[in-house]
All heavy atoms as atom14 arrays in JSON, in Angstrom:
{
  "sequence": "RTQAQAMMGAGAPVDEVLEKLRQWLDRMLGVLKRIVENLAGATSF",
  "atom14_mask": [
    [1, 1, 1, 1, 1, 1, 1, 1, 1, 1, 1, 0, 0, 0],
    [1, 1, 1, 1, 1, 1, 1, 0, 0, 0, 0, 0, 0, 0],
    [1, 1, 1, 1, 1, 1, 1, 1, 1, 0, 0, 0, 0, 0],
    [1, 1, 1, 1, 1, 0, 0, 0, 0, 0, 0, 0, 0, 0],
    [1, 1, 1, 1, 1, 1, 1, 1, 1, 0, 0, 0, 0, 0],
    [1, 1, 1, 1, 1, 0, 0, 0, 0, 0, 0, 0, 0, 0],
    [1, 1, 1, 1, 1, 1, 1, 1, 0, 0, 0, 0, 0, 0],
    [1, 1, 1, 1, 1, 1, 1, 1, 0, 0, 0, 0, 0, 0],
    [1, 1, 1, 1, 0, 0, 0, 0, 0, 0, 0, 0, 0, 0],
    [1, 1, 1, 1, 1, 0, 0, 0, 0, 0, 0, 0, 0, 0],
    [1, 1, 1, 1, 0, 0, 0, 0, 0, 0, 0, 0, 0, 0],
    [1, 1, 1, 1, 1, 0, 0, 0, 0, 0, 0, 0, 0, 0],
    [1, 1, 1, 1, 1, 1, 1, 0, 0, 0, 0, 0, 0, 0],
    [1, 1, 1, 1, 1, 1, 1, 0, 0, 0, 0, 0, 0, 0],
    [1, 1, 1, 1, 1, 1, 1, 1, 0, 0, 0, 0, 0, 0],
    [1, 1, 1, 1, 1, 1, 1, 1, 1, 0, 0, 0, 0, 0],
    [1, 1, 1, 1, 1, 1, 1, 0, 0, 0, 0, 0, 0, 0],
    [1, 1, 1, 1, 1, 1, 1, 1, 0, 0, 0, 0, 0, 0],
    [1, 1, 1, 1, 1, 1, 1, 1, 1, 0, 0, 0, 0, 0],
    [1, 1, 1, 1, 1, 1, 1, 1, 1, 0, 0, 0, 0, 0],
    [1, 1, 1, 1, 1, 1, 1, 1, 0, 0, 0, 0, 0, 0],
    [1, 1, 1, 1, 1, 1, 1, 1, 1, 1, 1, 0, 0, 0],
    [1, 1, 1, 1, 1, 1, 1, 1, 1, 0, 0, 0, 0, 0],
    [1, 1, 1, 1, 1, 1, 1, 1, 1, 1, 1, 1, 1, 1],
    [1, 1, 1, 1, 1, 1, 1, 1, 0, 0, 0, 0, 0, 0],
    [1, 1, 1, 1, 1, 1, 1, 1, 0, 0, 0, 0, 0, 0],
    [1, 1, 1, 1, 1, 1, 1, 1, 1, 1, 1, 0, 0, 0],
    [1, 1, 1, 1, 1, 1, 1, 1, 0, 0, 0, 0, 0, 0],
    [1, 1, 1, 1, 1, 1, 1, 1, 0, 0, 0, 0, 0, 0],
    [1, 1, 1, 1, 0, 0, 0, 0, 0, 0, 0, 0, 0, 0],
    [1, 1, 1, 1, 1, 1, 1, 0, 0, 0, 0, 0, 0, 0],
    [1, 1, 1, 1, 1, 1, 1, 1, 0, 0, 0, 0, 0, 0],
    [1, 1, 1, 1, 1, 1, 1, 1, 1, 0, 0, 0, 0, 0],
    [1, 1, 1, 1, 1, 1, 1, 1, 1, 1, 1, 0, 0, 0],
    [1, 1, 1, 1, 1, 1, 1, 1, 0, 0, 0, 0, 0, 0],
    [1, 1, 1, 1, 1, 1, 1, 0, 0, 0, 0, 0, 0, 0],
    [1, 1, 1, 1, 1, 1, 1, 1, 1, 0, 0, 0, 0, 0],
    [1, 1, 1, 1, 1, 1, 1, 1, 0, 0, 0, 0, 0, 0],
    [1, 1, 1, 1, 1, 1, 1, 1, 0, 0, 0, 0, 0, 0],
    [1, 1, 1, 1, 1, 0, 0, 0, 0, 0, 0, 0, 0, 0],
    [1, 1, 1, 1, 0, 0, 0, 0, 0, 0, 0, 0, 0, 0],
    [1, 1, 1, 1, 1, 0, 0, 0, 0, 0, 0, 0, 0, 0],
    [1, 1, 1, 1, 1, 1, 1, 0, 0, 0, 0, 0, 0, 0],
    [1, 1, 1, 1, 1, 1, 0, 0, 0, 0, 0, 0, 0, 0],
    [1, 1, 1, 1, 1, 1, 1, 1, 1, 1, 1, 0, 0, 0]
  ],
  "atom14_positions": [
    [[8.91, 19.73, -3.43], [9.85, 20.0, -4.58], [9.27, 19.87, -5.89], [9.46, 20.62, -6.88], [11.02, 19.0, -4.46], [12.03, 19.1, -5.45], [13.2, 18.15, -5.31], [13.95, 17.97, -6.58], [14.55, 16.9, -7.06], [14.3, 15.77, -6.38], [15.14, 16.86, -8.15], [0.0, 0.0, 0.0], [0.0, 0.0, 0.0], [0.0, 0.0, 0.0]],
    [[8.3, 18.85, -5.96], [7.63, 18.58, -7.2], [6.64, 19.87, -7.54], [6.66, 20.29, -8.68], [6.84, 17.29, -7.1], [7.71, 16.29, -6.95], [6.11, 17.03, -8.46], [0.0, 0.0, 0.0], [0.0, 0.0, 0.0], [0.0, 0.0, 0.0], [0.0, 0.0, 0.0], [0.0, 0.0, 0.0], [0.0, 0.0, 0.0], [0.0, 0.0, 0.0]],
    [[6.09, 20.36, -6.62], [5.12, 21.45, -6.83], [5.93, 22.69, -7.11], [5.61, 23.54, -7.98], [4.3, 21.61, -5.48], [3.27, 20.65, -5.22], [2.65, 20.69, -3.85], [3.0, 21.68, -3.04], [1.64, 19.93, -3.58], [0.0, 0.0, 0.0], [0.0, 0.0, 0.0], [0.0, 0.0, 0.0], [0.0, 0.0, 0.0], [0.0, 0.0, 0.0]],
    [[6.96, 22.89, -6.57], [7.93, 24.03, -6.83], [8.43, 24.04, -8.37], [8.42, 25.01, -8.94], [9.06, 24.12, -5.77], [0.0, 0.0, 0.0], [0.0, 0.0, 0.0], [0.0, 0.0, 0.0], [0.0, 0.0, 0.0], [0.0, 0.0, 0.0], [0.0, 0.0, 0.0], [0.0, 0.0, 0.0], [0.0, 0.0, 0.0], [0.0, 0.0, 0.0]],
    [[8.83, 22.8, -8.7], [9.36, 22.56, -10.04], [8.28, 22.83, -10.99], [8.4, 23.53, -12.14], [9.96, 21.22, -10.27], [11.19, 21.05, -9.52], [11.76, 19.62, -9.51], [10.87, 18.65, -9.86], [12.99, 19.37, -9.37], [0.0, 0.0, 0.0], [0.0, 0.0, 0.0], [0.0, 0.0, 0.0], [0.0, 0.0, 0.0], [0.0, 0.0, 0.0]],
    [[7.01, 22.41, -10.74], [5.87, 22.68, -11.61], [5.48, 24.06, -11.78], [5.23, 24.57, -12.89], [4.72, 21.8, -11.1], [0.0, 0.0, 0.0], [0.0, 0.0, 0.0], [0.0, 0.0, 0.0], [0.0, 0.0, 0.0], [0.0, 0.0, 0.0], [0.0, 0.0, 0.0], [0.0, 0.0, 0.0], [0.0, 0.0, 0.0], [0.0, 0.0, 0.0]],
    [[5.56, 24.83, -10.66], [5.34, 26.22, -10.69], [6.3, 27.02, -11.46], [6.06, 28.06, -12.14], [5.21, 26.82, -9.28], [3.94, 26.32, -8.56], [3.79, 26.66, -6.81], [4.57, 28.18, -6.57], [0.0, 0.0, 0.0], [0.0, 0.0, 0.0], [0.0, 0.0, 0.0], [0.0, 0.0, 0.0], [0.0, 0.0, 0.0], [0.0, 0.0, 0.0]],
    [[7.64, 26.51, -11.64], [8.66, 27.14, -12.4], [8.66, 26.69, -13.83], [9.48, 27.08, -14.59], [10.06, 26.95, -11.72], [10.18, 27.51, -10.36], [11.8, 27.3, -9.48], [12.43, 25.77, -10.12], [0.0, 0.0, 0.0], [0.0, 0.0, 0.0], [0.0, 0.0, 0.0], [0.0, 0.0, 0.0], [0.0, 0.0, 0.0], [0.0, 0.0, 0.0]],
    [[7.68, 25.83, -14.12], [7.64, 25.43, -15.52], [8.62, 24.23, -15.81], [8.77, 23.83, -16.97], [0.0, 0.0, 0.0], [0.0, 0.0, 0.0], [0.0, 0.0, 0.0], [0.0, 0.0, 0.0], [0.0, 0.0, 0.0], [0.0, 0.0, 0.0], [0.0, 0.0, 0.0], [0.0, 0.0, 0.0], [0.0, 0.0, 0.0], [0.0, 0.0, 0.0]],
    [[9.23, 23.65, -14.71], [10.08, 22.48, -14.99], [9.19, 21.2, -15.36], [8.02, 21.16, -15.14], [10.95, 22.17, -13.79], [0.0, 0.0, 0.0], [0.0, 0.0, 0.0], [0.0, 0.0, 0.0], [0.0, 0.0, 0.0], [0.0, 0.0, 0.0], [0.0, 0.0, 0.0], [0.0, 0.0, 0.0], [0.0, 0.0, 0.0], [0.0, 0.0, 0.0]],
    [[9.86, 20.27, -15.83], [9.04, 19.02, -16.31], [8.88, 18.13, -15.21], [9.02, 16.89, -15.27], [0.0, 0.0, 0.0], [0.0, 0.0, 0.0], [0.0, 0.0, 0.0], [0.0, 0.0, 0.0], [0.0, 0.0, 0.0], [0.0, 0.0, 0.0], [0.0, 0.0, 0.0], [0.0, 0.0, 0.0], [0.0, 0.0, 0.0], [0.0, 0.0, 0.0]],
    [[8.63, 18.61, -13.98], [8.18, 17.63, -12.81], [7.02, 16.76, -13.15], [5.97, 17.31, -13.49], [8.1, 18.46, -11.55], [0.0, 0.0, 0.0], [0.0, 0.0, 0.0], [0.0, 0.0, 0.0], [0.0, 0.0, 0.0], [0.0, 0.0, 0.0], [0.0, 0.0, 0.0], [0.0, 0.0, 0.0], [0.0, 0.0, 0.0], [0.0, 0.0, 0.0]],
    [[7.06, 15.54, -12.91], [5.95, 14.59, -13.12], [4.92, 14.69, -11.91], [4.71, 13.81, -11.22], [6.65, 13.28, -13.2], [7.74, 13.44, -12.23], [8.19, 14.78, -12.38], [0.0, 0.0, 0.0], [0.0, 0.0, 0.0], [0.0, 0.0, 0.0], [0.0, 0.0, 0.0], [0.0, 0.0, 0.0], [0.0, 0.0, 0.0], [0.0, 0.0, 0.0]],
    [[4.2, 15.79, -11.93], [3.25, 16.15, -10.83], [2.19, 14.99, -10.72], [1.89, 14.45, -9.59], [2.65, 17.41, -10.96], [1.48, 17.69, -9.77], [3.65, 18.55, -10.87], [0.0, 0.0, 0.0], [0.0, 0.0, 0.0], [0.0, 0.0, 0.0], [0.0, 0.0, 0.0], [0.0, 0.0, 0.0], [0.0, 0.0, 0.0], [0.0, 0.0, 0.0]],
    [[1.57, 14.59, -11.9], [0.49, 13.64, -11.82], [1.08, 12.3, -11.31], [0.4, 11.6, -10.59], [-0.11, 13.45, -13.19], [-0.81, 14.7, -13.58], [-1.31, 15.37, -12.76], [-1.14, 14.75, -14.87], [0.0, 0.0, 0.0], [0.0, 0.0, 0.0], [0.0, 0.0, 0.0], [0.0, 0.0, 0.0], [0.0, 0.0, 0.0], [0.0, 0.0, 0.0]],
    [[2.24, 11.95, -11.77], [2.99, 10.6, -11.34], [3.11, 10.62, -9.91], [2.72, 9.68, -9.22], [4.19, 10.37, -12.1], [4.05, 10.01, -13.43], [5.34, 9.98, -14.25], [6.35, 9.62, -13.55], [5.44, 10.27, -15.32], [0.0, 0.0, 0.0], [0.0, 0.0, 0.0], [0.0, 0.0, 0.0], [0.0, 0.0, 0.0], [0.0, 0.0, 0.0]],
    [[3.61, 11.79, -9.25], [3.84, 11.88, -7.79], [2.46, 11.82, -6.98], [2.39, 11.18, -6.03], [4.65, 13.15, -7.53], [4.73, 13.4, -6.03], [6.12, 12.97, -8.18], [0.0, 0.0, 0.0], [0.0, 0.0, 0.0], [0.0, 0.0, 0.0], [0.0, 0.0, 0.0], [0.0, 0.0, 0.0], [0.0, 0.0, 0.0], [0.0, 0.0, 0.0]],
    [[1.51, 12.5, -7.61], [0.25, 12.5, -6.97], [-0.42, 11.1, -6.88], [-0.98, 10.65, -5.87], [-0.82, 13.46, -7.55], [-0.44, 14.95, -7.34], [-1.42, 15.81, -8.13], [-0.41, 15.39, -5.9], [0.0, 0.0, 0.0], [0.0, 0.0, 0.0], [0.0, 0.0, 0.0], [0.0, 0.0, 0.0], [0.0, 0.0, 0.0], [0.0, 0.0, 0.0]],
    [[-0.22, 10.4, -8.02], [-0.69, 8.98, -7.97], [0.13, 8.13, -6.95], [-0.55, 7.29, -6.29], [-0.55, 8.4, -9.5], [-1.09, 6.94, -9.57], [-2.47, 6.71, -9.13], [-3.3, 7.6, -9.34], [-2.76, 5.63, -8.54], [0.0, 0.0, 0.0], [0.0, 0.0, 0.0], [0.0, 0.0, 0.0], [0.0, 0.0, 0.0], [0.0, 0.0, 0.0]],
    [[1.41, 8.32, -6.96], [2.17, 7.63, -5.9], [1.64, 8.03, -4.58], [1.68, 7.19, -3.64], [3.61, 7.94, -6.12], [4.33, 7.37, -7.25], [4.53, 5.96, -7.04], [5.3, 5.3, -8.26], [5.35, 3.81, -8.07], [0.0, 0.0, 0.0], [0.0, 0.0, 0.0], [0.0, 0.0, 0.0], [0.0, 0.0, 0.0], [0.0, 0.0, 0.0]],
    [[1.39, 9.21, -4.4], [0.98, 9.74, -3.03], [-0.3, 9.07, -2.66], [-0.47, 8.56, -1.46], [0.71, 11.24, -3.03], [0.23, 11.9, -1.74], [1.22, 11.74, -0.59], [-0.06, 13.35, -1.91], [0.0, 0.0, 0.0], [0.0, 0.0, 0.0], [0.0, 0.0, 0.0], [0.0, 0.0, 0.0], [0.0, 0.0, 0.0], [0.0, 0.0, 0.0]],
    [[-1.27, 8.81, -3.49], [-2.48, 8.01, -3.16], [-2.07, 6.62, -2.81], [-2.71, 6.06, -1.75], [-3.41, 8.12, -4.49], [-4.19, 9.28, -4.6], [-5.25, 9.14, -5.74], [-4.66, 9.46, -7.09], [-4.5, 10.56, -7.53], [-4.79, 11.71, -6.99], [-3.98, 10.61, -8.81], [0.0, 0.0, 0.0], [0.0, 0.0, 0.0], [0.0, 0.0, 0.0]],
    [[-1.19, 5.99, -3.55], [-0.69, 4.67, -3.13], [-0.1, 4.56, -1.83], [-0.37, 3.74, -0.91], [0.19, 3.99, -4.25], [-0.4, 3.84, -5.55], [0.58, 3.52, -6.67], [1.74, 3.34, -6.32], [0.21, 3.64, -7.83], [0.0, 0.0, 0.0], [0.0, 0.0, 0.0], [0.0, 0.0, 0.0], [0.0, 0.0, 0.0], [0.0, 0.0, 0.0]],
    [[0.73, 5.57, -1.49], [1.44, 5.64, -0.26], [0.58, 5.82, 0.83], [0.73, 5.23, 1.95], [2.6, 6.71, -0.25], [3.66, 6.45, -1.2], [4.07, 5.26, -1.87], [4.42, 7.4, -1.87], [5.05, 5.5, -2.72], [5.42, 6.8, -2.83], [4.5, 8.82, -1.86], [6.23, 7.41, -3.59], [5.47, 9.54, -2.64], [6.31, 8.85, -3.35]],
    [[-0.47, 6.63, 0.76], [-1.4, 6.94, 1.75], [-2.1, 5.67, 2.16], [-2.4, 5.41, 3.25], [-2.41, 8.0, 1.36], [-1.86, 9.42, 1.46], [-2.81, 10.45, 0.73], [-1.42, 9.93, 2.8], [0.0, 0.0, 0.0], [0.0, 0.0, 0.0], [0.0, 0.0, 0.0], [0.0, 0.0, 0.0], [0.0, 0.0, 0.0], [0.0, 0.0, 0.0]],
    [[-2.6, 4.89, 1.0], [-3.21, 3.56, 1.37], [-2.41, 2.66, 2.21], [-2.82, 2.02, 3.13], [-3.57, 2.91, 0.06], [-4.78, 3.51, -0.69], [-5.5, 4.21, -0.03], [-4.97, 3.15, -1.88], [0.0, 0.0, 0.0], [0.0, 0.0, 0.0], [0.0, 0.0, 0.0], [0.0, 0.0, 0.0], [0.0, 0.0, 0.0], [0.0, 0.0, 0.0]],
    [[-1.14, 2.55, 1.88], [-0.13, 1.74, 2.58], [0.02, 2.18, 4.04], [0.03, 1.54, 5.01], [1.22, 1.69, 1.87], [1.22, 0.98, 0.52], [2.29, 0.98, -0.15], [3.38, 0.11, 0.6], [4.63, -0.06, 0.17], [5.06, 0.55, -0.89], [5.43, -0.93, 0.84], [0.0, 0.0, 0.0], [0.0, 0.0, 0.0], [0.0, 0.0, 0.0]],
    [[0.09, 3.54, 4.2], [0.25, 4.14, 5.61], [-0.84, 3.85, 6.4], [-0.74, 3.62, 7.56], [0.61, 5.63, 5.51], [1.97, 5.9, 5.02], [2.56, 7.64, 5.19], [1.37, 8.42, 4.13], [0.0, 0.0, 0.0], [0.0, 0.0, 0.0], [0.0, 0.0, 0.0], [0.0, 0.0, 0.0], [0.0, 0.0, 0.0], [0.0, 0.0, 0.0]],
    [[-2.16, 3.94, 5.81], [-3.29, 3.69, 6.62], [-3.3, 2.33, 7.22], [-3.68, 2.09, 8.35], [-4.54, 3.89, 5.68], [-4.85, 5.39, 5.39], [-6.08, 5.37, 4.5], [-5.11, 6.17, 6.53], [0.0, 0.0, 0.0], [0.0, 0.0, 0.0], [0.0, 0.0, 0.0], [0.0, 0.0, 0.0], [0.0, 0.0, 0.0], [0.0, 0.0, 0.0]],
    [[-2.9, 1.23, 6.48], [-2.82, -0.09, 7.02], [-1.84, -0.16, 8.21], [-2.12, -0.88, 9.13], [0.0, 0.0, 0.0], [0.0, 0.0, 0.0], [0.0, 0.0, 0.0], [0.0, 0.0, 0.0], [0.0, 0.0, 0.0], [0.0, 0.0, 0.0], [0.0, 0.0, 0.0], [0.0, 0.0, 0.0], [0.0, 0.0, 0.0], [0.0, 0.0, 0.0]],
    [[-0.68, 0.52, 8.03], [0.25, 0.51, 9.13], [-0.19, 1.34, 10.34], [-0.08, 0.78, 11.46], [1.54, 1.07, 8.67], [2.62, 1.19, 9.78], [2.2, 0.22, 7.61], [0.0, 0.0, 0.0], [0.0, 0.0, 0.0], [0.0, 0.0, 0.0], [0.0, 0.0, 0.0], [0.0, 0.0, 0.0], [0.0, 0.0, 0.0], [0.0, 0.0, 0.0]],
    [[-0.89, 2.31, 10.06], [-1.43, 3.09, 11.2], [-2.42, 2.34, 11.99], [-2.49, 2.55, 13.26], [-2.03, 4.4, 10.71], [-1.06, 5.63, 10.5], [-1.56, 6.7, 9.61], [-0.63, 6.16, 11.82], [0.0, 0.0, 0.0], [0.0, 0.0, 0.0], [0.0, 0.0, 0.0], [0.0, 0.0, 0.0], [0.0, 0.0, 0.0], [0.0, 0.0, 0.0]],
    [[-3.21, 1.64, 11.43], [-4.19, 0.73, 12.12], [-3.37, -0.09, 13.06], [-3.79, -0.41, 14.25], [-4.98, -0.11, 11.15], [-5.99, 0.63, 10.36], [-6.75, -0.1, 9.4], [-7.47, 0.63, 8.42], [-8.11, -0.06, 7.39], [0.0, 0.0, 0.0], [0.0, 0.0, 0.0], [0.0, 0.0, 0.0], [0.0, 0.0, 0.0], [0.0, 0.0, 0.0]],
    [[-2.44, -0.88, 12.68], [-1.55, -1.76, 13.49], [-0.86, -0.9, 14.61], [-0.79, -1.39, 15.69], [-0.45, -2.47, 12.71], [-1.0, -3.53, 11.64], [-0.06, -4.33, 11.0], [1.38, -4.0, 11.15], [2.2, -3.76, 10.12], [1.84, -3.99, 8.94], [3.51, -3.47, 10.42], [0.0, 0.0, 0.0], [0.0, 0.0, 0.0], [0.0, 0.0, 0.0]],
    [[-0.25, 0.25, 14.27], [0.38, 1.08, 15.33], [-0.64, 1.41, 16.36], [-0.42, 1.26, 17.61], [0.91, 2.34, 14.69], [2.09, 1.9, 13.85], [1.28, 3.28, 15.69], [2.62, 3.04, 13.0], [0.0, 0.0, 0.0], [0.0, 0.0, 0.0], [0.0, 0.0, 0.0], [0.0, 0.0, 0.0], [0.0, 0.0, 0.0], [0.0, 0.0, 0.0]],
    [[-1.88, 1.96, 15.98], [-2.87, 2.39, 17.11], [-3.34, 1.16, 17.88], [-3.6, 1.3, 19.13], [-3.94, 3.17, 16.4], [-5.15, 3.43, 17.31], [-3.52, 4.59, 15.82], [0.0, 0.0, 0.0], [0.0, 0.0, 0.0], [0.0, 0.0, 0.0], [0.0, 0.0, 0.0], [0.0, 0.0, 0.0], [0.0, 0.0, 0.0], [0.0, 0.0, 0.0]],
    [[-3.51, 0.04, 17.32], [-3.96, -1.09, 18.02], [-2.94, -1.61, 19.1], [-3.31, -2.11, 20.19], [-4.14, -2.32, 17.07], [-5.32, -2.18, 16.17], [-5.32, -3.29, 15.09], [-4.36, -4.05, 14.94], [-6.42, -3.35, 14.43], [0.0, 0.0, 0.0], [0.0, 0.0, 0.0], [0.0, 0.0, 0.0], [0.0, 0.0, 0.0], [0.0, 0.0, 0.0]],
    [[-1.62, -1.2, 18.9], [-0.6, -1.63, 19.89], [0.02, -0.59, 20.7], [0.83, -0.83, 21.56], [0.45, -2.38, 19.1], [0.01, -3.75, 18.61], [-0.25, -4.75, 19.35], [-0.3, -3.81, 17.25], [0.0, 0.0, 0.0], [0.0, 0.0, 0.0], [0.0, 0.0, 0.0], [0.0, 0.0, 0.0], [0.0, 0.0, 0.0], [0.0, 0.0, 0.0]],
    [[-0.23, 0.7, 20.31], [0.38, 1.85, 21.09], [-0.46, 2.13, 22.37], [-1.62, 2.4, 22.18], [0.42, 3.03, 20.15], [1.21, 4.24, 20.61], [2.59, 3.86, 20.76], [0.97, 5.33, 19.53], [0.0, 0.0, 0.0], [0.0, 0.0, 0.0], [0.0, 0.0, 0.0], [0.0, 0.0, 0.0], [0.0, 0.0, 0.0], [0.0, 0.0, 0.0]],
    [[0.24, 1.94, 23.51], [-0.44, 2.09, 24.79], [-1.33, 3.51, 24.84], [-0.69, 4.49, 24.67], [0.56, 1.95, 25.85], [0.0, 0.0, 0.0], [0.0, 0.0, 0.0], [0.0, 0.0, 0.0], [0.0, 0.0, 0.0], [0.0, 0.0, 0.0], [0.0, 0.0, 0.0], [0.0, 0.0, 0.0], [0.0, 0.0, 0.0], [0.0, 0.0, 0.0]],
    [[-2.53, 3.33, 25.14], [-3.37, 4.52, 25.27], [-4.02, 5.13, 23.94], [-4.77, 6.06, 23.96], [0.0, 0.0, 0.0], [0.0, 0.0, 0.0], [0.0, 0.0, 0.0], [0.0, 0.0, 0.0], [0.0, 0.0, 0.0], [0.0, 0.0, 0.0], [0.0, 0.0, 0.0], [0.0, 0.0, 0.0], [0.0, 0.0, 0.0], [0.0, 0.0, 0.0]],
    [[-3.35, 4.73, 22.81], [-3.98, 5.35, 21.63], [-5.32, 4.8, 21.32], [-5.73, 3.65, 21.53], [-2.95, 4.86, 20.51], [0.0, 0.0, 0.0], [0.0, 0.0, 0.0], [0.0, 0.0, 0.0], [0.0, 0.0, 0.0], [0.0, 0.0, 0.0], [0.0, 0.0, 0.0], [0.0, 0.0, 0.0], [0.0, 0.0, 0.0], [0.0, 0.0, 0.0]],
    [[-6.15, 5.7, 20.84], [-7.52, 5.48, 20.61], [-7.86, 5.55, 19.12], [-8.74, 4.9, 18.64], [-8.51, 6.27, 21.37], [-8.18, 7.7, 21.1], [-8.32, 6.08, 22.87], [0.0, 0.0, 0.0], [0.0, 0.0, 0.0], [0.0, 0.0, 0.0], [0.0, 0.0, 0.0], [0.0, 0.0, 0.0], [0.0, 0.0, 0.0], [0.0, 0.0, 0.0]],
    [[-7.25, 6.47, 18.39], [-7.58, 6.57, 17.02], [-6.29, 7.36, 16.36], [-5.45, 7.76, 16.9], [-8.82, 7.42, 16.75], [-8.73, 8.75, 17.31], [0.0, 0.0, 0.0], [0.0, 0.0, 0.0], [0.0, 0.0, 0.0], [0.0, 0.0, 0.0], [0.0, 0.0, 0.0], [0.0, 0.0, 0.0], [0.0, 0.0, 0.0], [0.0, 0.0, 0.0]],
    [[-6.46, 7.57, 15.04], [-5.46, 8.33, 14.31], [-6.25, 9.15, 13.27], [-7.35, 8.93, 12.88], [-4.46, 7.52, 13.59], [-4.82, 6.56, 12.57], [-4.9, 7.0, 11.22], [-5.29, 5.26, 12.83], [-5.5, 6.11, 10.26], [-5.76, 4.42, 11.8], [-5.89, 4.96, 10.45], [0.0, 0.0, 0.0], [0.0, 0.0, 0.0], [0.0, 0.0, 0.0]]
  ]
}
């Protein structure tokens, strides 16, 4: 949605969303480590 708004010239805060995305990815990586450690048969992500 943010990318579409930016392409239409709307005032979407693309940089802010991308910064949030970086933070969210860091958080997800921590959780994924715990998931893979406990998910039967999982070896990596």
